[in-house]
Amino acid sequence: MEASETTLVTVLNVNNPADIALAKSILDDAKIRHMVKGDRVLQDLYGMGQVEIQVFASDAERARGLLSDI
């Protein structure tokens, strides 16, 4: 397995719950595997706190393009 298939890279930093949901939806529609890294407790309880949207390095360029308007 190549590093680009196992290495996660951050493609977006957000702190707005609506932006997180939008980013996840866009990546889901594009069938790009992703994860949300960050302070989910603050997000879930208070709708605040910075999180990172991460994808595999091999999908990073495409994901950044799709998320560029967020």
C-alpha atoms as a PDB file:
ATOM      1  CA  MET A   1       0.000   0.000   0.000  1.00  0.00           C
ATOM      2  CA  GLU A   2       1.368   3.411  -0.973  1.00  0.00           C
ATOM      3  CA  ALA A   3       1.745   6.257   1.520  1.00  0.00           C
ATOM      4  CA  SER A   4      -0.843   8.323  -0.383  1.00  0.00           C
ATOM      5  CA  GLU A   5      -3.375   5.601   0.377  1.00  0.00           C
ATOM      6  CA  THR A   6      -2.651   5.554   4.112  1.00  0.00           C
ATOM      7  CA  THR A   7      -1.593   9.104   4.961  1.00  0.00           C
ATOM      8  CA  LEU A   8      -4.321  11.513   6.039  1.00  0.00           C
ATOM      9  CA  VAL A   9      -3.954  15.188   5.214  1.00  0.00           C
ATOM     10  CA  THR A  10      -6.039  18.155   6.303  1.00  0.00           C
ATOM     11  CA  VAL A  11      -7.956  19.760   3.448  1.00  0.00           C
ATOM     12  CA  LEU A  12     -10.160  22.132   5.443  1.00  0.00           C
ATOM     13  CA  ASN A  13     -10.218  23.774   8.877  1.00  0.00           C
ATOM     14  CA  VAL A  14     -13.662  24.895  10.008  1.00  0.00           C
ATOM     15  CA  ASN A  15     -15.482  25.838  13.190  1.00  0.00           C
ATOM     16  CA  ASN A  16     -19.028  26.240  11.914  1.00  0.00           C
ATOM     17  CA  PRO A  17     -21.255  23.147  12.264  1.00  0.00           C
ATOM     18  CA  ALA A  18     -23.045  23.995   9.012  1.00  0.00           C
ATOM     19  CA  ASP A  19     -19.727  24.105   7.139  1.00  0.00           C
ATOM     20  CA  ILE A  20     -18.725  20.756   8.619  1.00  0.00           C
ATOM     21  CA  ALA A  21     -21.991  19.181   7.476  1.00  0.00           C
ATOM     22  CA  LEU A  22     -21.644  20.753   4.019  1.00  0.00           C
ATOM     23  CA  ALA A  23     -18.060  19.555   3.620  1.00  0.00           C
ATOM     24  CA  LYS A  24     -18.980  16.024   4.672  1.00  0.00           C
ATOM     25  CA  SER A  25     -21.900  15.994   2.240  1.00  0.00           C
ATOM     26  CA  ILE A  26     -19.740  17.198  -0.661  1.00  0.00           C
ATOM     27  CA  LEU A  27     -17.089  14.575   0.063  1.00  0.00           C
ATOM     28  CA  ASP A  28     -19.713  11.844   0.479  1.00  0.00           C
ATOM     29  CA  ASP A  29     -21.264  12.738  -2.880  1.00  0.00           C
ATOM     30  CA  ALA A  30     -17.815  12.601  -4.499  1.00  0.00           C
ATOM     31  CA  LYS A  31     -17.159   9.248  -2.806  1.00  0.00           C
ATOM     32  CA  ILE A  32     -14.048  10.631  -1.102  1.00  0.00           C
ATOM     33  CA  ARG A  33     -13.346   8.904   2.203  1.00  0.00           C
ATOM     34  CA  HIS A  34     -12.839  11.413   4.997  1.00  0.00           C
ATOM     35  CA  MET A  35     -12.726  11.929   8.718  1.00  0.00           C
ATOM     36  CA  VAL A  36     -13.358  14.830  11.047  1.00  0.00           C
ATOM     37  CA  LYS A  37     -10.580  15.496  13.542  1.00  0.00           C
ATOM     38  CA  GLY A  38     -10.859  17.975  16.356  1.00  0.00           C
ATOM     39  CA  ASP A  39     -12.895  18.999  19.336  1.00  0.00           C
ATOM     40  CA  ARG A  40     -16.146  17.179  18.606  1.00  0.00           C
ATOM     41  CA  VAL A  41     -17.291  17.619  22.206  1.00  0.00           C
ATOM     42  CA  LEU A  42     -17.364  21.407  21.860  1.00  0.00           C
ATOM     43  CA  GLN A  43     -18.962  21.073  18.432  1.00  0.00           C
ATOM     44  CA  ASP A  44     -21.655  18.731  19.688  1.00  0.00           C
ATOM     45  CA  LEU A  45     -22.426  20.653  22.872  1.00  0.00           C
ATOM     46  CA  TYR A  46     -21.961  24.263  21.864  1.00  0.00           C
ATOM     47  CA  GLY A  47     -21.594  24.397  18.082  1.00  0.00           C
ATOM     48  CA  MET A  48     -18.099  25.825  18.388  1.00  0.00           C
ATOM     49  CA  GLY A  49     -14.521  24.643  18.235  1.00  0.00           C
ATOM     50  CA  GLN A  50     -12.141  24.120  15.338  1.00  0.00           C
ATOM     51  CA  VAL A  51     -12.150  20.816  13.470  1.00  0.00           C
ATOM     52  CA  GLU A  52     -10.117  19.508  10.555  1.00  0.00           C
ATOM     53  CA  ILE A  53     -11.557  17.652   7.592  1.00  0.00           C
ATOM     54  CA  GLN A  54      -8.999  15.040   6.532  1.00  0.00           C
ATOM     55  CA  VAL A  55      -8.763  12.806   3.480  1.00  0.00           C
ATOM     56  CA  PHE A  56      -6.198  10.391   2.127  1.00  0.00           C
ATOM     57  CA  ALA A  57      -3.285  12.158   0.430  1.00  0.00           C
ATOM     58  CA  SER A  58      -4.246  10.630  -2.924  1.00  0.00           C
ATOM     59  CA  ASP A  59      -7.626  12.450  -2.750  1.00  0.00           C
ATOM     60  CA  ALA A  60      -6.376  15.732  -1.270  1.00  0.00           C
ATOM     61  CA  GLU A  61      -6.120  17.819  -4.441  1.00  0.00           C
ATOM     62  CA  ARG A  62      -9.579  16.805  -5.624  1.00  0.00           C
ATOM     63  CA  ALA A  63     -11.085  17.352  -2.160  1.00  0.00           C
ATOM     64  CA  ARG A  64      -9.532  20.806  -1.839  1.00  0.00           C
ATOM     65  CA  GLY A  65     -11.021  21.757  -5.181  1.00  0.00           C
ATOM     66  CA  LEU A  66     -14.464  20.570  -4.162  1.00  0.00           C
ATOM     67  CA  LEU A  67     -14.275  22.356  -0.804  1.00  0.00           C
ATOM     68  CA  SER A  68     -12.693  25.588  -2.019  1.00  0.00           C
ATOM     69  CA  ASP A  69     -15.892  27.632  -1.638  1.00  0.00           C
ATOM     70  CA  ILE A  70     -16.456  26.729   2.009  1.00  0.00           C
END
